[in-house]
Amino acid sequence: MMTGDGEARIAAAYADFGRRWAHGTSPLYEEWAVGFADAPDLVGWVAGLPPRMRQPNLIFAAMRWNGCPLDDWASARVWLEQHREVVVNTAATRSTQTNEPGRCATLLPPLCRLPGPLALLEVGAAAGLCLFPDRYGYRFETPAGSRVIPASSAVDLVCRVDRADIVPDAAPEVVWRRGIDLSRIDAADADAVAWLATLVWPGPDHDRRVRQLRAAAAIAAADPPEIITGDLRTRLEDAAATAPEDATLVVFHSAVLMYLDAPARDRFAAFATDLGRRLGRDVVWISNETVGTFSSIDARLPAALDGSGRFVQTVDGIPVALAGQHGATYEVGPFAG
């Protein structure tokens, strides 16, 4: 079991999850996370779990999966004290493979600036719900009013952008889509989709996300993309080599590399940057990750930038925008000019 500094790091991680990530978007999770961080006995309990199982989102989802009411922290804590064993069992067999189709709204602007058609390869694809940006509908709220990209789709994504000129006129043409994941998910598996829905944070703002996730899963189940089971660090080149030569190959990921240690992230960045040379073709690399994921990218960020609750979107290692973690906002202003 961790003690001392280890438990302090866990408490800080839960407090950060609540005050930085859940703040303003999931008040209940903010309350739970801050309360958890202030409970030394629970922090010590989590410190005794394997590192993979200590994540706030995993513990909270395991609580909800097993029937914890969406009530205040005092009530949730009482419930947790009585159900620790089932929470551990769930956390041991599940993972935080949040597959958020809403992120396609923030991928659309950079994708639509590329010459089509596109071949999409997602690292950490889970069920592949982000591999269908051409099958979803979009409403972009801009300073000049709403811009709608129609699609015959049950998925209708809404995103607020800071400039009207970055909104594309249409979704891209996608002719090939593949994914890589250590634990790929079958979008036709009702239990797996139910777990993905449980990973969506509680709150009125997130009820729509659950509906969109289920609708996106139905699209993926009807036309499943190939998701290769394996490590992103060893399967990327082989997967990319199968992409059609007459399409622009795009390698992308969102909130995936944050789960690797810093040296592994840097090795991936170097490999992704060099992938085009290795394959003898052009490859575009789009990353949506938190500040702190890549030191080389952080060095390019404006000094006064506050990335709280947002991802830094980069194209070929160059920051181009701040993207809402669930796809609700897209800002190019910090990088304009």
C-alpha atoms as a PDB file:
ATOM      1  CA  MET A   1       0.000   0.000   0.000  1.00  0.00           C
ATOM      2  CA  MET A   2       1.120   3.549  -0.730  1.00  0.00           C
ATOM      3  CA  THR A   3       1.722   5.802   2.220  1.00  0.00           C
ATOM      4  CA  GLY A   4       2.755   9.393   2.768  1.00  0.00           C
ATOM      5  CA  ASP A   5       3.580  11.095  -0.497  1.00  0.00           C
ATOM      6  CA  GLY A   6       1.713   8.422  -2.501  1.00  0.00           C
ATOM      7  CA  GLU A   7      -1.547   9.068  -0.693  1.00  0.00           C
ATOM      8  CA  ALA A   8      -0.993  12.815  -0.967  1.00  0.00           C
ATOM      9  CA  ARG A   9      -0.678  12.447  -4.752  1.00  0.00           C
ATOM     10  CA  ILE A  10      -3.926  10.497  -4.929  1.00  0.00           C
ATOM     11  CA  ALA A  11      -5.753  13.074  -2.817  1.00  0.00           C
ATOM     12  CA  ALA A  12      -4.381  15.820  -5.068  1.00  0.00           C
ATOM     13  CA  ALA A  13      -5.484  13.905  -8.182  1.00  0.00           C
ATOM     14  CA  TYR A  14      -9.061  13.592  -6.893  1.00  0.00           C
ATOM     15  CA  ALA A  15      -9.153  17.249  -5.891  1.00  0.00           C
ATOM     16  CA  ASP A  16      -7.807  18.238  -9.307  1.00  0.00           C
ATOM     17  CA  PHE A  17     -10.388  16.069 -11.052  1.00  0.00           C
ATOM     18  CA  GLY A  18     -13.133  17.823  -9.157  1.00  0.00           C
ATOM     19  CA  ARG A  19     -11.935  21.409  -9.214  1.00  0.00           C
ATOM     20  CA  ARG A  20     -10.417  21.492 -12.708  1.00  0.00           C
ATOM     21  CA  TRP A  21     -12.207  18.903 -14.852  1.00  0.00           C
ATOM     22  CA  ALA A  22     -15.652  18.406 -13.301  1.00  0.00           C
ATOM     23  CA  HIS A  23     -16.021  22.046 -12.238  1.00  0.00           C
ATOM     24  CA  GLY A  24     -18.648  23.846 -14.280  1.00  0.00           C
ATOM     25  CA  THR A  25     -19.756  20.719 -16.104  1.00  0.00           C
ATOM     26  CA  SER A  26     -20.635  18.073 -13.488  1.00  0.00           C
ATOM     27  CA  PRO A  27     -21.357  19.615 -10.080  1.00  0.00           C
ATOM     28  CA  LEU A  28     -22.057  16.216  -8.530  1.00  0.00           C
ATOM     29  CA  TYR A  29     -18.706  14.762  -9.581  1.00  0.00           C
ATOM     30  CA  GLU A  30     -16.985  17.912  -8.383  1.00  0.00           C
ATOM     31  CA  GLU A  31     -18.576  17.426  -4.972  1.00  0.00           C
ATOM     32  CA  TRP A  32     -17.739  13.715  -4.906  1.00  0.00           C
ATOM     33  CA  ALA A  33     -14.123  14.220  -5.962  1.00  0.00           C
ATOM     34  CA  VAL A  34     -13.394  17.025  -3.524  1.00  0.00           C
ATOM     35  CA  GLY A  35     -15.099  15.092  -0.734  1.00  0.00           C
ATOM     36  CA  PHE A  36     -13.130  11.966  -1.602  1.00  0.00           C
ATOM     37  CA  ALA A  37      -9.865  13.919  -1.538  1.00  0.00           C
ATOM     38  CA  ASP A  38     -10.690  15.085   2.008  1.00  0.00           C
ATOM     39  CA  ALA A  39     -11.353  11.533   3.259  1.00  0.00           C
ATOM     40  CA  PRO A  40      -8.010  10.010   4.364  1.00  0.00           C
ATOM     41  CA  ASP A  41      -9.495   6.540   4.883  1.00  0.00           C
ATOM     42  CA  LEU A  42     -10.827   6.405   1.312  1.00  0.00           C
ATOM     43  CA  VAL A  43      -7.613   7.815  -0.113  1.00  0.00           C
ATOM     44  CA  GLY A  44      -5.701   5.117   1.756  1.00  0.00           C
ATOM     45  CA  TRP A  45      -8.074   2.475   0.413  1.00  0.00           C
ATOM     46  CA  VAL A  46      -7.566   3.620  -3.173  1.00  0.00           C
ATOM     47  CA  ALA A  47      -3.793   3.775  -2.599  1.00  0.00           C
ATOM     48  CA  GLY A  48      -3.881   0.038  -1.942  1.00  0.00           C
ATOM     49  CA  LEU A  49      -5.376  -0.682  -5.366  1.00  0.00           C
ATOM     50  CA  PRO A  50      -3.320  -1.265  -8.528  1.00  0.00           C
ATOM     51  CA  PRO A  51      -2.420   2.076 -10.201  1.00  0.00           C
ATOM     52  CA  ARG A  52      -4.809   1.505 -13.109  1.00  0.00           C
ATOM     53  CA  MET A  53      -7.755   1.290 -10.710  1.00  0.00           C
ATOM     54  CA  ARG A  54      -7.139   4.530  -8.802  1.00  0.00           C
ATOM     55  CA  GLN A  55      -8.654   6.915 -11.358  1.00  0.00           C
ATOM     56  CA  PRO A  56     -11.586   9.010 -10.067  1.00  0.00           C
ATOM     57  CA  ASN A  57     -13.706   8.422 -13.151  1.00  0.00           C
ATOM     58  CA  LEU A  58     -13.256   4.649 -12.874  1.00  0.00           C
ATOM     59  CA  ILE A  59     -14.070   4.501  -9.157  1.00  0.00           C
ATOM     60  CA  PHE A  60     -17.103   6.764  -9.551  1.00  0.00           C
ATOM     61  CA  ALA A  61     -18.387   4.843 -12.587  1.00  0.00           C
ATOM     62  CA  ALA A  62     -17.967   1.557 -10.694  1.00  0.00           C
ATOM     63  CA  MET A  63     -20.017   3.040  -7.858  1.00  0.00           C
ATOM     64  CA  ARG A  64     -22.803   4.055 -10.220  1.00  0.00           C
ATOM     65  CA  TRP A  65     -22.670   0.714 -12.082  1.00  0.00           C
ATOM     66  CA  ASN A  66     -23.406  -1.034  -8.818  1.00  0.00           C
ATOM     67  CA  GLY A  67     -26.301   1.195  -7.844  1.00  0.00           C
ATOM     68  CA  CYS A  68     -24.863   4.137  -5.935  1.00  0.00           C
ATOM     69  CA  PRO A  69     -27.543   6.864  -5.986  1.00  0.00           C
ATOM     70  CA  LEU A  70     -26.690  10.151  -7.672  1.00  0.00           C
ATOM     71  CA  ASP A  71     -26.925  11.957  -4.374  1.00  0.00           C
ATOM     72  CA  ASP A  72     -24.719  14.278  -2.334  1.00  0.00           C
ATOM     73  CA  TRP A  73     -21.260  13.183  -1.236  1.00  0.00           C
ATOM     74  CA  ALA A  74     -22.314  12.395   2.330  1.00  0.00           C
ATOM     75  CA  SER A  75     -24.841   9.856   1.054  1.00  0.00           C
ATOM     76  CA  ALA A  76     -22.484   8.494  -1.597  1.00  0.00           C
ATOM     77  CA  ARG A  77     -19.768   7.997   1.000  1.00  0.00           C
ATOM     78  CA  VAL A  78     -22.089   5.959   3.230  1.00  0.00           C
ATOM     79  CA  TRP A  79     -23.022   3.823   0.211  1.00  0.00           C
ATOM     80  CA  LEU A  80     -19.347   3.339  -0.719  1.00  0.00           C
ATOM     81  CA  GLU A  81     -18.400   2.252   2.791  1.00  0.00           C
ATOM     82  CA  GLN A  82     -20.973  -0.546   2.460  1.00  0.00           C
ATOM     83  CA  HIS A  83     -20.052  -1.603  -1.085  1.00  0.00           C
ATOM     84  CA  ARG A  84     -16.275  -1.308  -1.428  1.00  0.00           C
ATOM     85  CA  GLU A  85     -15.856  -4.925  -2.484  1.00  0.00           C
ATOM     86  CA  VAL A  86     -18.226  -4.755  -5.465  1.00  0.00           C
ATOM     87  CA  VAL A  87     -16.703  -1.433  -6.544  1.00  0.00           C
ATOM     88  CA  VAL A  88     -13.231  -3.015  -6.540  1.00  0.00           C
ATOM     89  CA  ASN A  89     -14.495  -6.025  -8.485  1.00  0.00           C
ATOM     90  CA  THR A  90     -16.002  -3.773 -11.158  1.00  0.00           C
ATOM     91  CA  ALA A  91     -12.937  -1.524 -11.370  1.00  0.00           C
ATOM     92  CA  ALA A  92     -10.754  -4.619 -11.747  1.00  0.00           C
ATOM     93  CA  THR A  93     -12.660  -5.823 -14.810  1.00  0.00           C
ATOM     94  CA  ARG A  94     -13.580  -2.515 -16.455  1.00  0.00           C
ATOM     95  CA  SER A  95     -11.598   0.447 -17.733  1.00  0.00           C
ATOM     96  CA  THR A  96     -12.064   4.135 -18.522  1.00  0.00           C
ATOM     97  CA  GLN A  97     -12.399   3.749 -22.280  1.00  0.00           C
ATOM     98  CA  THR A  98     -14.510   6.864 -22.631  1.00  0.00           C
ATOM     99  CA  ASN A  99     -15.534   6.916 -26.289  1.00  0.00           C
ATOM    100  CA  GLU A 100     -16.917  10.411 -26.866  1.00  0.00           C
ATOM    101  CA  PRO A 101     -18.442  10.965 -30.343  1.00  0.00           C
ATOM    102  CA  GLY A 102     -18.885  14.663 -29.488  1.00  0.00           C
ATOM    103  CA  ARG A 103     -15.158  15.117 -30.081  1.00  0.00           C
ATOM    104  CA  CYS A 104     -15.842  14.716 -33.793  1.00  0.00           C
ATOM    105  CA  ALA A 105     -17.146  18.305 -33.728  1.00  0.00           C
ATOM    106  CA  THR A 106     -13.679  19.544 -32.756  1.00  0.00           C
ATOM    107  CA  LEU A 107     -11.992  17.221 -35.239  1.00  0.00           C
ATOM    108  CA  LEU A 108     -14.114  18.476 -38.116  1.00  0.00           C
ATOM    109  CA  PRO A 109     -12.326  21.823 -38.714  1.00  0.00           C
ATOM    110  CA  PRO A 110      -8.816  20.354 -39.137  1.00  0.00           C
ATOM    111  CA  LEU A 111     -10.095  17.313 -41.038  1.00  0.00           C
ATOM    112  CA  CYS A 112     -11.971  19.475 -43.534  1.00  0.00           C
ATOM    113  CA  ARG A 113      -8.857  21.506 -44.290  1.00  0.00           C
ATOM    114  CA  LEU A 114      -7.111  18.401 -45.612  1.00  0.00           C
ATOM    115  CA  PRO A 115      -7.314  17.196 -49.211  1.00  0.00           C
ATOM    116  CA  GLY A 116      -9.845  14.392 -49.463  1.00  0.00           C
ATOM    117  CA  PRO A 117     -10.775  11.680 -49.438  1.00  0.00           C
ATOM    118  CA  LEU A 118      -9.565  10.737 -45.973  1.00  0.00           C
ATOM    119  CA  ALA A 119      -8.305   7.530 -44.395  1.00  0.00           C
ATOM    120  CA  LEU A 120      -8.764   7.690 -40.602  1.00  0.00           C
ATOM    121  CA  LEU A 121      -6.680   5.728 -38.102  1.00  0.00           C
ATOM    122  CA  GLU A 122      -7.595   6.301 -34.466  1.00  0.00           C
ATOM    123  CA  VAL A 123      -5.220   5.399 -31.660  1.00  0.00           C
ATOM    124  CA  GLY A 124      -7.160   4.270 -28.594  1.00  0.00           C
ATOM    125  CA  ALA A 125     -10.346   3.799 -30.604  1.00  0.00           C
ATOM    126  CA  ALA A 126     -12.389   1.789 -28.059  1.00  0.00           C
ATOM    127  CA  ALA A 127     -15.619   1.149 -30.024  1.00  0.00           C
ATOM    128  CA  GLY A 128     -14.574   3.461 -32.874  1.00  0.00           C
ATOM    129  CA  LEU A 129     -17.294   6.056 -32.338  1.00  0.00           C
ATOM    130  CA  CYS A 130     -14.938   8.884 -33.352  1.00  0.00           C
ATOM    131  CA  LEU A 131     -14.216   7.196 -36.679  1.00  0.00           C
ATOM    132  CA  PHE A 132     -17.522   8.401 -38.174  1.00  0.00           C
ATOM    133  CA  PRO A 133     -17.251  12.213 -38.487  1.00  0.00           C
ATOM    134  CA  ASP A 134     -18.884  11.942 -41.914  1.00  0.00           C
ATOM    135  CA  ARG A 135     -21.985  10.190 -40.519  1.00  0.00           C
ATOM    136  CA  TYR A 136     -22.941  12.745 -37.856  1.00  0.00           C
ATOM    137  CA  GLY A 137     -24.826  16.033 -37.974  1.00  0.00           C
ATOM    138  CA  TYR A 138     -23.374  19.250 -36.518  1.00  0.00           C
ATOM    139  CA  ARG A 139     -24.550  22.608 -35.261  1.00  0.00           C
ATOM    140  CA  PHE A 140     -21.773  25.114 -34.702  1.00  0.00           C
ATOM    141  CA  GLU A 141     -22.643  28.148 -32.591  1.00  0.00           C
ATOM    142  CA  THR A 142     -20.484  31.003 -33.858  1.00  0.00           C
ATOM    143  CA  PRO A 143     -20.275  34.745 -33.081  1.00  0.00           C
ATOM    144  CA  ALA A 144     -22.188  35.244 -36.349  1.00  0.00           C
ATOM    145  CA  GLY A 145     -24.953  32.760 -35.506  1.00  0.00           C
ATOM    146  CA  SER A 146     -25.583  29.051 -35.982  1.00  0.00           C
ATOM    147  CA  ARG A 147     -24.027  27.053 -38.796  1.00  0.00           C
ATOM    148  CA  VAL A 148     -25.531  23.639 -39.498  1.00  0.00           C
ATOM    149  CA  ILE A 149     -23.920  20.792 -41.402  1.00  0.00           C
ATOM    150  CA  PRO A 150     -26.837  18.507 -42.182  1.00  0.00           C
ATOM    151  CA  ALA A 151     -26.560  14.760 -42.141  1.00  0.00           C
ATOM    152  CA  SER A 152     -29.113  12.003 -42.139  1.00  0.00           C
ATOM    153  CA  SER A 153     -28.077  10.968 -38.661  1.00  0.00           C
ATOM    154  CA  ALA A 154     -29.497  10.443 -35.198  1.00  0.00           C
ATOM    155  CA  VAL A 155     -26.308  12.029 -33.876  1.00  0.00           C
ATOM    156  CA  ASP A 156     -26.606  15.823 -33.753  1.00  0.00           C
ATOM    157  CA  LEU A 157     -23.513  17.388 -32.195  1.00  0.00           C
ATOM    158  CA  VAL A 158     -23.430  20.954 -30.893  1.00  0.00           C
ATOM    159  CA  CYS A 159     -20.186  22.914 -30.592  1.00  0.00           C
ATOM    160  CA  ARG A 160     -19.484  26.543 -29.729  1.00  0.00           C
ATOM    161  CA  VAL A 161     -16.634  28.057 -31.759  1.00  0.00           C
ATOM    162  CA  ASP A 162     -14.943  31.429 -31.427  1.00  0.00           C
ATOM    163  CA  ARG A 163     -14.700  32.181 -35.171  1.00  0.00           C
ATOM    164  CA  ALA A 164     -17.259  31.574 -37.905  1.00  0.00           C
ATOM    165  CA  ASP A 165     -14.624  31.197 -40.627  1.00  0.00           C
ATOM    166  CA  ILE A 166     -13.277  27.942 -39.186  1.00  0.00           C
ATOM    167  CA  VAL A 167     -16.593  26.113 -39.658  1.00  0.00           C
ATOM    168  CA  PRO A 168     -16.500  23.877 -42.751  1.00  0.00           C
ATOM    169  CA  ASP A 169     -19.276  23.777 -45.317  1.00  0.00           C
ATOM    170  CA  ALA A 170     -19.647  20.005 -45.239  1.00  0.00           C
ATOM    171  CA  ALA A 171     -18.359  16.910 -43.508  1.00  0.00           C
ATOM    172  CA  PRO A 172     -15.279  15.237 -45.036  1.00  0.00           C
ATOM    173  CA  GLU A 173     -15.365  12.226 -47.327  1.00  0.00           C
ATOM    174  CA  VAL A 174     -14.009   9.205 -45.455  1.00  0.00           C
ATOM    175  CA  VAL A 175     -13.132   6.121 -47.508  1.00  0.00           C
ATOM    176  CA  TRP A 176     -11.244   4.058 -44.914  1.00  0.00           C
ATOM    177  CA  ARG A 177     -11.364   3.833 -41.124  1.00  0.00           C
ATOM    178  CA  ARG A 178      -9.386   1.715 -38.672  1.00  0.00           C
ATOM    179  CA  GLY A 179      -8.605   1.791 -34.967  1.00  0.00           C
ATOM    180  CA  ILE A 180      -6.134   0.399 -32.456  1.00  0.00           C
ATOM    181  CA  ASP A 181      -6.950  -0.385 -28.838  1.00  0.00           C
ATOM    182  CA  LEU A 182      -5.622  -2.657 -26.113  1.00  0.00           C
ATOM    183  CA  SER A 183      -9.201  -3.578 -25.206  1.00  0.00           C
ATOM    184  CA  ARG A 184     -11.379  -2.934 -28.218  1.00  0.00           C
ATOM    185  CA  ILE A 185     -15.116  -2.630 -27.694  1.00  0.00           C
ATOM    186  CA  ASP A 186     -17.865  -4.149 -29.815  1.00  0.00           C
ATOM    187  CA  ALA A 187     -20.395  -1.379 -30.442  1.00  0.00           C
ATOM    188  CA  ALA A 188     -23.070  -4.074 -30.803  1.00  0.00           C
ATOM    189  CA  ASP A 189     -22.418  -5.335 -27.258  1.00  0.00           C
ATOM    190  CA  ALA A 190     -25.213  -3.872 -25.133  1.00  0.00           C
ATOM    191  CA  ASP A 191     -23.311  -4.430 -21.867  1.00  0.00           C
ATOM    192  CA  ALA A 192     -20.207  -2.690 -23.201  1.00  0.00           C
ATOM    193  CA  VAL A 193     -22.218   0.282 -24.459  1.00  0.00           C
ATOM    194  CA  ALA A 194     -24.026   0.487 -21.109  1.00  0.00           C
ATOM    195  CA  TRP A 195     -20.626   0.748 -19.389  1.00  0.00           C
ATOM    196  CA  LEU A 196     -19.551   3.497 -21.787  1.00  0.00           C
ATOM    197  CA  ALA A 197     -22.767   5.338 -20.916  1.00  0.00           C
ATOM    198  CA  THR A 198     -21.979   4.950 -17.210  1.00  0.00           C
ATOM    199  CA  LEU A 199     -18.595   6.558 -17.794  1.00  0.00           C
ATOM    200  CA  VAL A 200     -20.376   9.709 -18.973  1.00  0.00           C
ATOM    201  CA  TRP A 201     -20.465  12.111 -16.039  1.00  0.00           C
ATOM    202  CA  PRO A 202     -23.777  12.783 -14.303  1.00  0.00           C
ATOM    203  CA  GLY A 203     -25.610  16.052 -14.780  1.00  0.00           C
ATOM    204  CA  PRO A 204     -28.191  17.661 -17.063  1.00  0.00           C
ATOM    205  CA  ASP A 205     -25.501  18.810 -19.501  1.00  0.00           C
ATOM    206  CA  HIS A 206     -24.419  15.203 -19.965  1.00  0.00           C
ATOM    207  CA  ASP A 207     -27.772  13.528 -20.536  1.00  0.00           C
ATOM    208  CA  ARG A 208     -27.520  14.564 -24.181  1.00  0.00           C
ATOM    209  CA  ARG A 209     -24.061  12.973 -24.356  1.00  0.00           C
ATOM    210  CA  VAL A 210     -25.519   9.626 -23.307  1.00  0.00           C
ATOM    211  CA  ARG A 211     -28.171   9.813 -26.029  1.00  0.00           C
ATOM    212  CA  GLN A 212     -25.565  10.753 -28.637  1.00  0.00           C
ATOM    213  CA  LEU A 213     -23.262   7.953 -27.501  1.00  0.00           C
ATOM    214  CA  ARG A 214     -25.987   5.339 -27.880  1.00  0.00           C
ATOM    215  CA  ALA A 215     -26.951   6.696 -31.293  1.00  0.00           C
ATOM    216  CA  ALA A 216     -23.306   6.704 -32.424  1.00  0.00           C
ATOM    217  CA  ALA A 217     -22.892   3.134 -31.155  1.00  0.00           C
ATOM    218  CA  ALA A 218     -25.830   2.071 -33.336  1.00  0.00           C
ATOM    219  CA  ILE A 219     -24.111   3.605 -36.370  1.00  0.00           C
ATOM    220  CA  ALA A 220     -20.833   1.838 -35.560  1.00  0.00           C
ATOM    221  CA  ALA A 221     -22.623  -1.456 -34.928  1.00  0.00           C
ATOM    222  CA  ALA A 222     -24.339  -1.278 -38.319  1.00  0.00           C
ATOM    223  CA  ASP A 223     -21.033  -0.743 -40.158  1.00  0.00           C
ATOM    224  CA  PRO A 224     -18.271  -1.743 -37.737  1.00  0.00           C
ATOM    225  CA  PRO A 225     -14.794  -0.404 -38.469  1.00  0.00           C
ATOM    226  CA  GLU A 226     -11.846  -2.720 -37.980  1.00  0.00           C
ATOM    227  CA  ILE A 227     -10.415  -2.184 -34.495  1.00  0.00           C
ATOM    228  CA  ILE A 228      -7.047  -3.888 -34.115  1.00  0.00           C
ATOM    229  CA  THR A 229      -6.357  -5.312 -30.676  1.00  0.00           C
ATOM    230  CA  GLY A 230      -2.918  -4.283 -29.511  1.00  0.00           C
ATOM    231  CA  ASP A 231      -0.601  -1.636 -28.142  1.00  0.00           C
ATOM    232  CA  LEU A 232      -0.584   1.695 -29.976  1.00  0.00           C
ATOM    233  CA  ARG A 233       3.208   1.759 -29.677  1.00  0.00           C
ATOM    234  CA  THR A 234       3.705  -1.477 -31.608  1.00  0.00           C
ATOM    235  CA  ARG A 235       0.731  -1.726 -33.985  1.00  0.00           C
ATOM    236  CA  LEU A 236       0.593   1.779 -35.450  1.00  0.00           C
ATOM    237  CA  GLU A 237       2.915   1.309 -38.406  1.00  0.00           C
ATOM    238  CA  ASP A 238       1.396  -1.993 -39.512  1.00  0.00           C
ATOM    239  CA  ALA A 239      -2.129  -0.558 -39.303  1.00  0.00           C
ATOM    240  CA  ALA A 240      -1.151   2.601 -41.173  1.00  0.00           C
ATOM    241  CA  ALA A 241       0.530   0.587 -43.922  1.00  0.00           C
ATOM    242  CA  THR A 242      -2.859  -0.851 -44.953  1.00  0.00           C
ATOM    243  CA  ALA A 243      -4.429   2.561 -45.679  1.00  0.00           C
ATOM    244  CA  PRO A 244      -5.244   3.285 -49.342  1.00  0.00           C
ATOM    245  CA  GLU A 245      -2.577   5.289 -51.141  1.00  0.00           C
ATOM    246  CA  ASP A 246      -5.094   7.564 -52.878  1.00  0.00           C
ATOM    247  CA  ALA A 247      -6.440   8.968 -49.593  1.00  0.00           C
ATOM    248  CA  THR A 248      -4.944  11.381 -47.054  1.00  0.00           C
ATOM    249  CA  LEU A 249      -3.963   9.287 -44.043  1.00  0.00           C
ATOM    250  CA  VAL A 250      -4.836  10.889 -40.691  1.00  0.00           C
ATOM    251  CA  VAL A 251      -3.603   9.408 -37.409  1.00  0.00           C
ATOM    252  CA  PHE A 252      -5.487  10.906 -34.458  1.00  0.00           C
ATOM    253  CA  HIS A 253      -6.246  10.414 -30.764  1.00  0.00           C
ATOM    254  CA  SER A 254      -8.041  12.136 -27.860  1.00  0.00           C
ATOM    255  CA  ALA A 255      -7.350  11.709 -24.129  1.00  0.00           C
ATOM    256  CA  VAL A 256      -5.326   8.553 -24.747  1.00  0.00           C
ATOM    257  CA  LEU A 257      -1.645   9.344 -24.277  1.00  0.00           C
ATOM    258  CA  MET A 258      -2.289  10.896 -20.874  1.00  0.00           C
ATOM    259  CA  TYR A 259      -2.391   7.307 -19.581  1.00  0.00           C
ATOM    260  CA  LEU A 260       1.213   6.656 -20.678  1.00  0.00           C
ATOM    261  CA  ASP A 261       4.275   7.873 -18.810  1.00  0.00           C
ATOM    262  CA  ALA A 262       6.139  10.891 -20.167  1.00  0.00           C
ATOM    263  CA  PRO A 263       8.959   8.966 -21.924  1.00  0.00           C
ATOM    264  CA  ALA A 264       6.417   6.730 -23.690  1.00  0.00           C
ATOM    265  CA  ARG A 265       4.447   9.789 -24.846  1.00  0.00           C
ATOM    266  CA  ASP A 266       7.557  11.407 -26.247  1.00  0.00           C
ATOM    267  CA  ARG A 267       8.518   8.203 -28.058  1.00  0.00           C
ATOM    268  CA  PHE A 268       5.032   8.041 -29.577  1.00  0.00           C
ATOM    269  CA  ALA A 269       5.261  11.670 -30.725  1.00  0.00           C
ATOM    270  CA  ALA A 270       8.615  11.006 -32.370  1.00  0.00           C
ATOM    271  CA  PHE A 271       7.231   7.879 -34.048  1.00  0.00           C
ATOM    272  CA  ALA A 272       4.067   9.625 -35.272  1.00  0.00           C
ATOM    273  CA  THR A 273       6.136  12.496 -36.654  1.00  0.00           C
ATOM    274  CA  ASP A 274       8.379  10.049 -38.524  1.00  0.00           C
ATOM    275  CA  LEU A 275       5.608   7.719 -39.685  1.00  0.00           C
ATOM    276  CA  GLY A 276       5.244   9.360 -43.103  1.00  0.00           C
ATOM    277  CA  ARG A 277       8.927   8.877 -43.881  1.00  0.00           C
ATOM    278  CA  ARG A 278       8.784   5.249 -42.773  1.00  0.00           C
ATOM    279  CA  LEU A 279       5.756   4.567 -44.993  1.00  0.00           C
ATOM    280  CA  GLY A 280       6.941   6.705 -47.905  1.00  0.00           C
ATOM    281  CA  ARG A 281       3.747   8.796 -47.954  1.00  0.00           C
ATOM    282  CA  ASP A 282       2.186  11.861 -46.345  1.00  0.00           C
ATOM    283  CA  VAL A 283       0.678  11.287 -42.896  1.00  0.00           C
ATOM    284  CA  VAL A 284      -1.165  13.915 -40.853  1.00  0.00           C
ATOM    285  CA  TRP A 285      -1.045  13.553 -37.065  1.00  0.00           C
ATOM    286  CA  ILE A 286      -3.855  15.192 -35.034  1.00  0.00           C
ATOM    287  CA  SER A 287      -3.638  15.127 -31.243  1.00  0.00           C
ATOM    288  CA  ASN A 288      -6.261  16.163 -28.652  1.00  0.00           C
ATOM    289  CA  GLU A 289      -4.575  15.817 -25.272  1.00  0.00           C
ATOM    290  CA  THR A 290      -4.287  17.735 -22.019  1.00  0.00           C
ATOM    291  CA  VAL A 291      -1.661  20.317 -21.223  1.00  0.00           C
ATOM    292  CA  GLY A 292       1.310  18.441 -19.785  1.00  0.00           C
ATOM    293  CA  THR A 293       1.065  15.473 -22.150  1.00  0.00           C
ATOM    294  CA  PHE A 294       3.898  16.628 -24.430  1.00  0.00           C
ATOM    295  CA  SER A 295       6.642  18.894 -23.102  1.00  0.00           C
ATOM    296  CA  SER A 296       7.627  19.837 -26.660  1.00  0.00           C
ATOM    297  CA  ILE A 297       4.080  21.006 -27.407  1.00  0.00           C
ATOM    298  CA  ASP A 298       3.695  22.777 -24.066  1.00  0.00           C
ATOM    299  CA  ALA A 299       6.767  24.832 -24.961  1.00  0.00           C
ATOM    300  CA  ARG A 300       4.846  26.216 -27.963  1.00  0.00           C
ATOM    301  CA  LEU A 301       1.812  27.345 -25.951  1.00  0.00           C
ATOM    302  CA  PRO A 302       1.151  31.018 -25.114  1.00  0.00           C
ATOM    303  CA  ALA A 303       2.628  31.789 -21.707  1.00  0.00           C
ATOM    304  CA  ALA A 304      -0.673  32.991 -20.227  1.00  0.00           C
ATOM    305  CA  LEU A 305      -2.739  30.101 -21.602  1.00  0.00           C
ATOM    306  CA  ASP A 306      -5.134  28.459 -19.170  1.00  0.00           C
ATOM    307  CA  GLY A 307      -5.955  25.044 -20.583  1.00  0.00           C
ATOM    308  CA  SER A 308      -8.160  23.982 -17.665  1.00  0.00           C
ATOM    309  CA  GLY A 309     -10.924  21.651 -18.765  1.00  0.00           C
ATOM    310  CA  ARG A 310      -9.798  21.720 -22.388  1.00  0.00           C
ATOM    311  CA  PHE A 311      -7.489  19.783 -24.676  1.00  0.00           C
ATOM    312  CA  VAL A 312      -4.739  21.300 -26.744  1.00  0.00           C
ATOM    313  CA  GLN A 313      -5.366  20.278 -30.340  1.00  0.00           C
ATOM    314  CA  THR A 314      -2.252  19.968 -32.479  1.00  0.00           C
ATOM    315  CA  VAL A 315      -1.683  19.165 -36.125  1.00  0.00           C
ATOM    316  CA  ASP A 316       1.721  17.586 -36.793  1.00  0.00           C
ATOM    317  CA  GLY A 317       2.895  18.781 -33.391  1.00  0.00           C
ATOM    318  CA  ILE A 318       1.839  22.417 -33.866  1.00  0.00           C
ATOM    319  CA  PRO A 319      -0.892  23.759 -31.530  1.00  0.00           C
ATOM    320  CA  VAL A 320      -3.891  25.046 -33.498  1.00  0.00           C
ATOM    321  CA  ALA A 321      -6.810  25.205 -31.034  1.00  0.00           C
ATOM    322  CA  LEU A 322      -8.227  24.513 -27.601  1.00  0.00           C
ATOM    323  CA  ALA A 323     -10.881  21.792 -27.746  1.00  0.00           C
ATOM    324  CA  GLY A 324     -13.517  21.103 -25.109  1.00  0.00           C
ATOM    325  CA  GLN A 325     -12.878  17.743 -23.486  1.00  0.00           C
ATOM    326  CA  HIS A 326     -16.257  16.431 -24.667  1.00  0.00           C
ATOM    327  CA  GLY A 327     -16.413  18.402 -27.919  1.00  0.00           C
ATOM    328  CA  ALA A 328     -18.639  21.287 -26.805  1.00  0.00           C
ATOM    329  CA  THR A 329     -16.172  24.103 -27.533  1.00  0.00           C
ATOM    330  CA  TYR A 330     -13.456  24.897 -30.074  1.00  0.00           C
ATOM    331  CA  GLU A 331     -11.199  27.947 -29.817  1.00  0.00           C
ATOM    332  CA  VAL A 332      -8.533  28.997 -32.284  1.00  0.00           C
ATOM    333  CA  GLY A 333      -8.171  32.491 -30.838  1.00  0.00           C
ATOM    334  CA  PRO A 334      -5.226  31.718 -28.544  1.00  0.00           C
ATOM    335  CA  PHE A 335      -3.192  30.626 -31.582  1.00  0.00           C
ATOM    336  CA  ALA A 336      -4.409  33.151 -34.181  1.00  0.00           C
ATOM    337  CA  GLY A 337      -1.936  35.564 -35.672  1.00  0.00           C
END
